[in-house]
Amino acid sequence: MKMTKKLKIVIPDYFKQFKCIGGKCEDSCCIGWDIDVDEKTFRQYMKLDNEEFNTILAKNMQKNHECSNEFIDYGKVQLNKEKRCPLLNECNYCIIHSKLGEEYLSNTCSHFPRVLNKVNEDYEISLDVSCPEAARIVLGNRSGFKFEKDDIQLKKYIIAGEIDTNDEEYEDHPIKYFKEIREFCIRIIKNRKFDLSERLYILGDFLYEVEEKSCDDSEMICGFIKTYNIHDVAKNYRRNKDNYIMQISLLNNIINSLEIYEETDSELFKKYTKETIDGFNIESPEQLEKDSNRYINTFIEYSSNYIEENEHIFENYLVNFMYNNLFPYSESDSMFEGYMMLIMRYSLIRFYLVGKYLINNTESSEEIIKFIQVFSKTVEHDKNYMEEILDFLIENNFDNLEFTQMLI
């Protein structure tokens, strides 16, 4: 889709800092992912009078018979044996962009890593941290980021998600108060009077209470938000170091059951997964119990030396995820499922980082940001992974507040 006029769009204040660095990028959005082509661009490519492009496209571009939206995936460009887009040159530059111009890029290629949502009549745009340059900008700011309205001209774009809280079907549903709920959730995560674990605990309590109260009367939500006392809730939080052992057992099983090491196309994430598995080196439940003190001490050491020192990275990751995934409706129309999977993402990231630390015995803010970028590109952008994790939690009756908060 294309828009020529400028619109008032809600943006994070980091947004204007981003500019694609092209072939200088250590990763590429054209490597490892199928390349979607919208119908207009597909037909534009078919009419090109250029022998070089005609040869490449005739061999590698085809109509998508499982098209979900003609503005997104009417056609596909197949990756080559190295999982690279055939339109990339040896310097990782797109020859469509360099030889024909940006206007010839598909909606997907032109828009990424931007994420555009629409809430009522407001457009919201942000960046996806699966892009290395976006990850550095979004995650690296120690003071966090704020939201503002600005005049933005959208060229080619894709609406990732849309909520109309005024729709009649939401009259008696908490989605009617989505904006108020999400705003309060973000305020909780940005509240640096509490450490990150406390904030995640408070967030779970808040969403659980909101969902419970909305069953009786959704109109109570705004009043509840005004009177909700996060300081009183924070007093109930108790860190239990024994929970780390439960987390290790659960997350190790999830990684093995998803066969991430075998299935992923990302060589870097494959390396991270091997380091994590080798770091914990869990051969049996008995061995996990035997080495429990070592694992607990490493979690405590890593949390003290690296998570607390780099809390801004994790805070920025969480806030950005909540904003560009329409949290807490990021998984379904259940607020609790949104919270549960947010905690799973955070817990998986920490599990990997601690496992890698057990092997490498070193860490830096740059490496944390790099890992989150690769994790986002590999795991979060594979719907099968996240859906299978959610199904696993539900099937094993882990979809409850008590269990989820044990993962914090």
Protein backbone atom coordinates (compact mmCIF):
# COMPACT_ATOMS: atom_id res chain seq x y z
CA MET A 1 0.00 0.00 0.00
CA LYS A 2 1.17 3.54 -0.68
CA MET A 3 0.32 6.88 0.87
CA THR A 4 1.55 10.25 -0.37
CA LYS A 5 0.22 12.70 2.22
CA LYS A 6 1.74 13.24 5.65
CA LEU A 7 -0.10 11.88 8.68
CA LYS A 8 0.10 12.55 12.39
CA ILE A 9 1.67 9.33 13.61
CA VAL A 10 2.62 8.26 17.13
CA ILE A 11 6.31 7.35 17.14
CA PRO A 12 8.96 6.50 19.75
CA ASP A 13 11.49 9.32 19.94
CA TYR A 14 14.20 6.96 18.64
CA PHE A 15 12.40 6.45 15.31
CA LYS A 16 13.98 9.25 13.28
CA GLN A 17 17.49 8.06 14.15
CA PHE A 18 17.11 4.96 11.99
CA LYS A 19 18.58 4.68 8.53
CA CYS A 20 19.27 1.39 6.76
CA ILE A 21 23.04 0.83 6.51
CA GLY A 22 22.65 -1.65 3.64
CA GLY A 23 25.74 -3.68 2.78
CA LYS A 24 27.56 -2.46 5.90
CA CYS A 25 25.08 -4.44 8.02
CA GLU A 26 26.51 -7.56 9.66
CA ASP A 27 23.20 -9.32 9.06
CA SER A 28 20.64 -8.87 6.31
CA CYS A 29 16.86 -8.89 6.21
CA CYS A 30 17.35 -10.53 2.79
CA ILE A 31 19.07 -13.58 4.27
CA GLY A 32 17.17 -16.40 5.97
CA TRP A 33 13.64 -15.13 5.31
CA ASP A 34 11.37 -15.73 2.34
CA ILE A 35 10.90 -12.50 0.41
CA ASP A 36 7.25 -11.50 0.03
CA VAL A 37 6.15 -9.47 -3.00
CA ASP A 38 2.86 -7.56 -3.14
CA GLU A 39 0.67 -7.78 -6.25
CA LYS A 40 1.45 -4.31 -7.61
CA THR A 41 5.21 -4.86 -7.35
CA PHE A 42 4.89 -8.40 -8.71
CA ARG A 43 3.20 -7.10 -11.86
CA GLN A 44 5.74 -4.26 -12.04
CA TYR A 45 8.57 -6.83 -12.04
CA MET A 46 6.84 -8.89 -14.74
CA LYS A 47 6.85 -5.85 -17.06
CA LEU A 48 10.53 -4.96 -16.58
CA ASP A 49 12.44 -4.57 -19.83
CA ASN A 50 15.80 -5.60 -18.41
CA GLU A 51 17.49 -8.87 -19.33
CA GLU A 52 19.46 -9.15 -16.06
CA PHE A 53 16.38 -8.79 -13.86
CA ASN A 54 14.14 -10.80 -16.16
CA THR A 55 16.49 -13.79 -15.94
CA ILE A 56 16.75 -13.66 -12.14
CA LEU A 57 13.03 -13.10 -11.56
CA ALA A 58 11.89 -15.72 -14.08
CA LYS A 59 13.96 -18.29 -12.23
CA ASN A 60 13.30 -17.21 -8.64
CA MET A 61 9.99 -15.32 -8.38
CA GLN A 62 6.66 -17.07 -8.43
CA LYS A 63 3.04 -16.47 -7.55
CA ASN A 64 2.15 -17.47 -3.99
CA HIS A 65 -0.78 -19.88 -4.06
CA GLU A 66 -1.16 -19.50 -0.28
CA CYS A 67 -1.43 -15.70 -0.46
CA SER A 68 -3.00 -14.20 2.68
CA ASN A 69 -3.05 -10.57 1.52
CA GLU A 70 -2.30 -9.23 -1.97
CA PHE A 71 -0.69 -6.15 -0.40
CA ILE A 72 1.90 -8.40 1.27
CA ASP A 73 2.49 -11.88 -0.16
CA TYR A 74 0.90 -12.12 -3.61
CA GLY A 75 4.24 -13.52 -4.81
CA LYS A 76 7.50 -14.80 -3.35
CA VAL A 77 11.17 -14.63 -4.26
CA GLN A 78 12.80 -17.96 -3.45
CA LEU A 79 16.09 -17.92 -1.55
CA ASN A 80 19.15 -19.63 -3.01
CA LYS A 81 21.11 -22.52 -1.44
CA GLU A 82 22.87 -20.10 0.93
CA LYS A 83 19.45 -18.81 2.09
CA ARG A 84 20.17 -15.48 0.41
CA CYS A 85 17.84 -13.45 -1.78
CA PRO A 86 19.09 -13.88 -5.38
CA LEU A 87 18.77 -10.11 -5.81
CA LEU A 88 21.59 -9.45 -3.32
CA ASN A 89 25.00 -8.72 -4.79
CA GLU A 90 28.31 -9.90 -3.31
CA CYS A 91 28.40 -6.82 -1.04
CA ASN A 92 24.91 -7.57 0.39
CA TYR A 93 23.31 -4.68 -1.49
CA CYS A 94 19.95 -5.16 -3.21
CA ILE A 95 20.39 -4.69 -6.96
CA ILE A 96 16.71 -3.71 -7.30
CA HIS A 97 17.33 -0.80 -4.93
CA SER A 98 20.72 0.18 -6.34
CA LYS A 99 19.86 -0.05 -10.05
CA LEU A 100 16.13 0.71 -10.24
CA GLY A 101 15.47 2.76 -7.10
CA GLU A 102 13.53 2.45 -3.86
CA GLU A 103 10.16 2.80 -5.61
CA TYR A 104 10.71 -0.65 -7.16
CA LEU A 105 11.02 -2.40 -3.79
CA SER A 106 8.07 -4.48 -2.58
CA ASN A 107 5.95 -3.27 0.33
CA THR A 108 7.74 -5.70 2.66
CA CYS A 109 11.27 -4.77 1.55
CA SER A 110 10.54 -1.05 1.58
CA HIS A 111 8.85 -1.06 5.00
CA PHE A 112 11.05 -3.36 7.13
CA PRO A 113 12.16 -2.96 9.96
CA ARG A 114 9.36 -0.50 10.55
CA VAL A 115 6.21 -1.82 12.25
CA LEU A 116 2.97 0.04 11.58
CA ASN A 117 -0.21 -0.49 13.60
CA LYS A 118 -3.53 1.30 13.64
CA VAL A 119 -5.46 1.88 16.87
CA ASN A 120 -8.82 3.49 16.21
CA GLU A 121 -7.92 6.37 13.87
CA ASP A 122 -4.33 6.69 15.10
CA TYR A 123 -1.36 5.23 13.26
CA GLU A 124 1.59 4.02 15.35
CA ILE A 125 5.01 3.19 13.97
CA SER A 126 8.10 1.71 15.60
CA LEU A 127 11.15 -0.44 14.77
CA ASP A 128 11.61 -4.20 14.91
CA VAL A 129 14.74 -5.22 16.87
CA SER A 130 15.38 -8.18 14.54
CA CYS A 131 17.31 -5.62 12.46
CA PRO A 132 20.84 -5.06 13.92
CA GLU A 133 20.89 -1.29 13.37
CA ALA A 134 17.36 -0.93 14.78
CA ALA A 135 18.33 -3.09 17.77
CA ARG A 136 21.29 -0.85 18.59
CA ILE A 137 19.10 2.27 18.41
CA VAL A 138 16.10 0.85 20.29
CA LEU A 139 17.88 -1.14 23.00
CA GLY A 140 21.03 0.85 23.63
CA ASN A 141 19.55 4.08 25.01
CA ARG A 142 20.17 4.18 28.78
CA SER A 143 17.46 6.78 29.39
CA GLY A 144 14.80 4.74 27.58
CA PHE A 145 12.43 6.28 25.07
CA LYS A 146 9.21 8.28 25.00
CA PHE A 147 6.35 8.52 22.53
CA GLU A 148 5.39 11.59 20.55
CA LYS A 149 3.22 12.59 17.60
CA ASP A 150 4.87 13.76 14.41
CA ASP A 151 4.07 14.34 10.75
CA ILE A 152 5.30 11.30 8.83
CA GLN A 153 4.88 10.53 5.15
CA LEU A 154 4.30 6.84 4.59
CA LYS A 155 5.46 5.62 1.22
CA LYS A 156 5.00 1.88 0.85
CA TYR A 157 3.72 0.35 4.05
CA ILE A 158 2.01 -2.65 5.63
CA ILE A 159 -0.36 -2.49 8.60
CA ALA A 160 0.83 -5.22 10.97
CA GLY A 161 -2.04 -5.00 13.46
CA GLU A 162 -5.25 -3.07 13.92
CA ILE A 163 -7.63 -2.54 16.83
CA ASP A 164 -10.80 -0.46 16.79
CA THR A 165 -11.85 -0.11 20.41
CA ASN A 166 -15.07 1.58 19.31
CA ASP A 167 -16.28 -1.51 17.48
CA GLU A 168 -19.63 -2.72 18.82
CA GLU A 169 -18.27 -6.23 19.38
CA TYR A 170 -15.98 -4.81 22.11
CA GLU A 171 -18.72 -2.95 23.96
CA ASP A 172 -18.54 -5.39 26.89
CA HIS A 173 -14.95 -6.51 26.35
CA PRO A 174 -11.76 -5.14 27.98
CA ILE A 175 -10.37 -4.45 24.48
CA LYS A 176 -12.59 -1.36 24.66
CA TYR A 177 -9.99 0.00 27.11
CA PHE A 178 -6.94 -1.29 25.22
CA LYS A 179 -5.21 2.09 25.08
CA GLU A 180 -5.58 2.71 28.81
CA ILE A 181 -4.44 -0.83 29.66
CA ARG A 182 -1.37 -0.79 27.41
CA GLU A 183 -0.35 2.68 28.56
CA PHE A 184 -0.44 1.56 32.20
CA CYS A 185 1.48 -1.63 31.37
CA ILE A 186 4.24 0.42 29.72
CA ARG A 187 4.32 2.78 32.72
CA ILE A 188 4.88 -0.22 35.00
CA ILE A 189 7.80 -1.54 32.93
CA LYS A 190 9.38 1.93 32.69
CA ASN A 191 9.15 2.57 36.45
CA ARG A 192 12.78 2.43 37.59
CA LYS A 193 11.90 2.74 41.26
CA PHE A 194 11.64 -1.05 41.07
CA ASP A 195 14.07 -3.56 39.62
CA LEU A 196 13.06 -5.38 36.47
CA SER A 197 11.86 -8.54 38.23
CA GLU A 198 9.58 -6.49 40.48
CA ARG A 199 8.16 -4.66 37.47
CA LEU A 200 7.37 -7.93 35.69
CA TYR A 201 5.74 -9.26 38.87
CA ILE A 202 3.59 -6.12 39.20
CA LEU A 203 2.65 -6.34 35.52
CA GLY A 204 1.36 -9.89 36.00
CA ASP A 205 -0.67 -8.97 39.05
CA PHE A 206 -2.18 -5.96 37.29
CA LEU A 207 -3.23 -7.87 34.16
CA TYR A 208 -4.59 -10.78 36.19
CA GLU A 209 -6.72 -8.40 38.26
CA VAL A 210 -7.90 -6.45 35.20
CA GLU A 211 -8.95 -9.62 33.40
CA GLU A 212 -10.73 -10.93 36.50
CA LYS A 213 -12.61 -7.69 37.09
CA SER A 214 -13.55 -7.28 33.43
CA CYS A 215 -15.46 -10.58 33.62
CA ASP A 216 -17.93 -8.82 35.94
CA ASP A 217 -18.00 -5.37 34.39
CA SER A 218 -15.50 -4.10 31.81
CA GLU A 219 -16.45 -0.49 32.61
CA MET A 220 -14.71 -0.89 35.98
CA ILE A 221 -11.32 -1.02 34.26
CA CYS A 222 -10.56 2.72 34.11
CA GLY A 223 -11.48 3.15 37.77
CA PHE A 224 -9.34 0.16 38.73
CA ILE A 225 -6.33 1.58 36.86
CA LYS A 226 -6.63 4.88 38.75
CA THR A 227 -6.67 3.18 42.15
CA TYR A 228 -4.14 0.39 41.46
CA ASN A 229 -1.24 0.78 43.91
CA ILE A 230 1.93 -0.68 42.44
CA HIS A 231 3.90 0.02 45.65
CA ASP A 232 1.61 -2.21 47.71
CA VAL A 233 1.81 -4.98 45.10
CA ALA A 234 5.62 -4.77 44.94
CA LYS A 235 5.80 -5.56 48.67
CA ASN A 236 4.45 -9.03 47.92
CA TYR A 237 7.29 -9.93 45.56
CA ARG A 238 9.77 -12.46 46.88
CA ARG A 239 12.71 -13.66 44.82
CA ASN A 240 13.13 -17.44 45.18
CA LYS A 241 16.52 -18.60 43.93
CA ASP A 242 15.28 -22.20 43.72
CA ASN A 243 13.03 -21.11 40.84
CA TYR A 244 16.14 -20.88 38.68
CA ILE A 245 16.43 -24.69 38.71
CA MET A 246 12.83 -25.08 37.59
CA GLN A 247 13.47 -22.55 34.82
CA ILE A 248 16.58 -24.38 33.62
CA SER A 249 14.75 -27.70 33.46
CA LEU A 250 11.71 -26.23 31.67
CA LEU A 251 13.56 -24.07 29.16
CA ASN A 252 16.11 -26.76 28.37
CA ASN A 253 13.22 -29.14 27.61
CA ILE A 254 11.52 -26.52 25.43
CA ILE A 255 14.68 -25.89 23.38
CA ASN A 256 15.19 -29.63 22.90
CA SER A 257 11.55 -30.33 22.03
CA LEU A 258 11.47 -27.52 19.46
CA GLU A 259 14.71 -28.89 17.97
CA ILE A 260 15.94 -25.33 17.58
CA TYR A 261 19.54 -26.38 16.97
CA GLU A 262 18.53 -28.77 14.20
CA GLU A 263 15.79 -26.64 12.64
CA THR A 264 17.16 -23.08 12.59
CA ASP A 265 18.70 -21.66 9.41
CA SER A 266 20.67 -19.08 11.39
CA GLU A 267 24.25 -20.26 11.89
CA LEU A 268 24.77 -17.64 14.59
CA PHE A 269 21.69 -18.71 16.56
CA LYS A 270 22.76 -22.33 16.11
CA LYS A 271 26.11 -21.34 17.68
CA TYR A 272 24.32 -19.57 20.55
CA THR A 273 22.09 -22.60 21.14
CA LYS A 274 25.08 -24.98 21.23
CA GLU A 275 26.92 -22.70 23.67
CA THR A 276 23.83 -22.55 25.90
CA ILE A 277 23.29 -26.32 25.89
CA ASP A 278 27.01 -26.97 26.48
CA GLY A 279 27.11 -24.32 29.19
CA PHE A 280 24.39 -25.94 31.28
CA ASN A 281 25.46 -29.43 30.17
CA ILE A 282 22.32 -31.08 31.55
CA GLU A 283 22.60 -34.83 31.08
CA SER A 284 19.91 -35.94 33.52
CA PRO A 285 17.55 -34.66 36.26
CA GLU A 286 19.98 -36.10 38.82
CA GLN A 287 22.87 -34.13 37.35
CA LEU A 288 20.73 -30.95 37.34
CA GLU A 289 20.06 -31.42 41.05
CA LYS A 290 23.70 -32.23 41.78
CA ASP A 291 24.95 -29.05 40.08
CA SER A 292 22.08 -26.87 41.29
CA ASN A 293 24.26 -24.64 43.48
CA ARG A 294 26.56 -23.84 40.55
CA TYR A 295 23.59 -22.93 38.36
CA ILE A 296 21.93 -20.82 41.05
CA ASN A 297 25.16 -18.95 41.81
CA THR A 298 25.73 -18.27 38.11
CA PHE A 299 22.19 -16.89 37.69
CA ILE A 300 22.72 -14.63 40.72
CA GLU A 301 26.16 -13.54 39.48
CA TYR A 302 24.90 -12.83 35.96
CA SER A 303 21.86 -10.94 37.25
CA SER A 304 23.98 -8.80 39.57
CA ASN A 305 26.80 -8.06 37.13
CA TYR A 306 25.01 -7.83 33.80
CA ILE A 307 21.21 -7.67 33.99
CA GLU A 308 21.13 -5.00 36.70
CA GLU A 309 23.88 -3.05 34.92
CA ASN A 310 22.03 -3.31 31.61
CA GLU A 311 18.42 -3.12 32.79
CA HIS A 312 17.78 -0.40 30.22
CA ILE A 313 18.36 -2.94 27.41
CA PHE A 314 15.74 -5.33 28.76
CA GLU A 315 13.35 -2.51 29.65
CA ASN A 316 13.63 -1.10 26.13
CA TYR A 317 13.11 -4.55 24.63
CA LEU A 318 9.96 -5.12 26.69
CA VAL A 319 8.47 -1.67 26.08
CA ASN A 320 9.18 -1.85 22.35
CA PHE A 321 7.63 -5.32 22.15
CA MET A 322 4.54 -4.15 24.03
CA TYR A 323 4.15 -1.17 21.73
CA ASN A 324 4.62 -2.81 18.35
CA ASN A 325 2.74 -6.03 19.17
CA LEU A 326 -0.40 -4.40 20.63
CA PHE A 327 0.28 -5.90 24.07
CA PRO A 328 -1.47 -7.41 26.03
CA TYR A 329 -3.35 -8.72 22.98
CA SER A 330 -0.10 -9.81 21.35
CA GLU A 331 -1.04 -13.51 21.28
CA SER A 332 -4.84 -13.65 21.39
CA ASP A 333 -7.80 -11.86 22.98
CA SER A 334 -6.54 -13.09 26.37
CA MET A 335 -4.49 -10.54 28.30
CA PHE A 336 -2.96 -13.27 30.44
CA GLU A 337 -1.67 -15.19 27.41
CA GLY A 338 0.01 -11.98 26.27
CA TYR A 339 1.67 -11.62 29.68
CA MET A 340 2.65 -15.29 29.87
CA MET A 341 4.39 -15.20 26.50
CA LEU A 342 6.12 -11.90 27.30
CA ILE A 343 7.60 -13.57 30.38
CA MET A 344 8.57 -16.61 28.29
CA ARG A 345 10.46 -14.37 25.87
CA TYR A 346 12.31 -12.61 28.69
CA SER A 347 13.02 -15.90 30.48
CA LEU A 348 14.31 -17.57 27.29
CA ILE A 349 16.60 -14.61 26.55
CA ARG A 350 18.03 -14.73 30.08
CA PHE A 351 18.40 -18.53 29.93
CA TYR A 352 20.45 -18.27 26.73
CA LEU A 353 22.57 -15.43 28.08
CA VAL A 354 23.39 -17.31 31.31
CA GLY A 355 24.14 -20.52 29.38
CA LYS A 356 26.50 -18.66 27.05
CA TYR A 357 28.11 -17.01 30.07
CA LEU A 358 28.79 -20.43 31.62
CA ILE A 359 30.88 -21.26 28.54
CA ASN A 360 32.45 -17.89 27.68
CA ASN A 361 32.72 -16.34 31.17
CA THR A 362 32.44 -12.89 29.62
CA GLU A 363 29.66 -10.49 28.65
CA SER A 364 29.07 -6.96 27.37
CA SER A 365 26.13 -4.71 26.55
CA GLU A 366 27.01 -5.02 22.85
CA GLU A 367 26.81 -8.82 23.03
CA ILE A 368 23.47 -8.71 24.89
CA ILE A 369 21.99 -6.44 22.20
CA LYS A 370 23.41 -8.65 19.46
CA PHE A 371 21.89 -11.76 21.03
CA ILE A 372 18.44 -10.16 21.42
CA GLN A 373 18.54 -9.12 17.74
CA VAL A 374 19.37 -12.66 16.59
CA PHE A 375 16.81 -14.17 19.00
CA SER A 376 14.13 -11.82 17.68
CA LYS A 377 14.91 -12.61 14.05
CA THR A 378 15.15 -16.37 14.57
CA VAL A 379 12.62 -17.23 17.27
CA GLU A 380 10.09 -14.38 17.42
CA HIS A 381 9.69 -14.21 13.66
CA ASP A 382 9.01 -17.93 13.44
CA LYS A 383 5.34 -18.22 14.38
CA ASN A 384 5.68 -21.97 14.80
CA TYR A 385 8.16 -21.60 17.68
CA MET A 386 6.00 -19.22 19.69
CA GLU A 387 2.76 -21.10 18.96
CA GLU A 388 4.35 -24.40 20.00
CA ILE A 389 5.63 -22.86 23.24
CA LEU A 390 2.17 -21.47 24.04
CA ASP A 391 0.55 -24.84 23.25
CA PHE A 392 3.12 -26.60 25.45
CA LEU A 393 2.37 -24.32 28.42
CA ILE A 394 -1.40 -24.77 28.06
CA GLU A 395 -1.23 -28.56 27.57
CA ASN A 396 0.87 -28.92 30.73
CA ASN A 397 -1.40 -26.63 32.79
CA PHE A 398 1.37 -24.05 33.16
CA ASP A 399 -0.93 -21.23 32.02
CA ASN A 400 -1.49 -19.72 35.45
CA LEU A 401 -0.17 -16.69 37.29
CA GLU A 402 1.69 -18.60 40.02
CA PHE A 403 3.72 -20.64 37.55
CA THR A 404 4.37 -17.76 35.16
CA GLN A 405 5.76 -15.58 37.94
CA MET A 406 8.15 -18.38 38.88
CA LEU A 407 9.83 -17.68 35.52
CA ILE A 408 10.70 -14.09 36.45
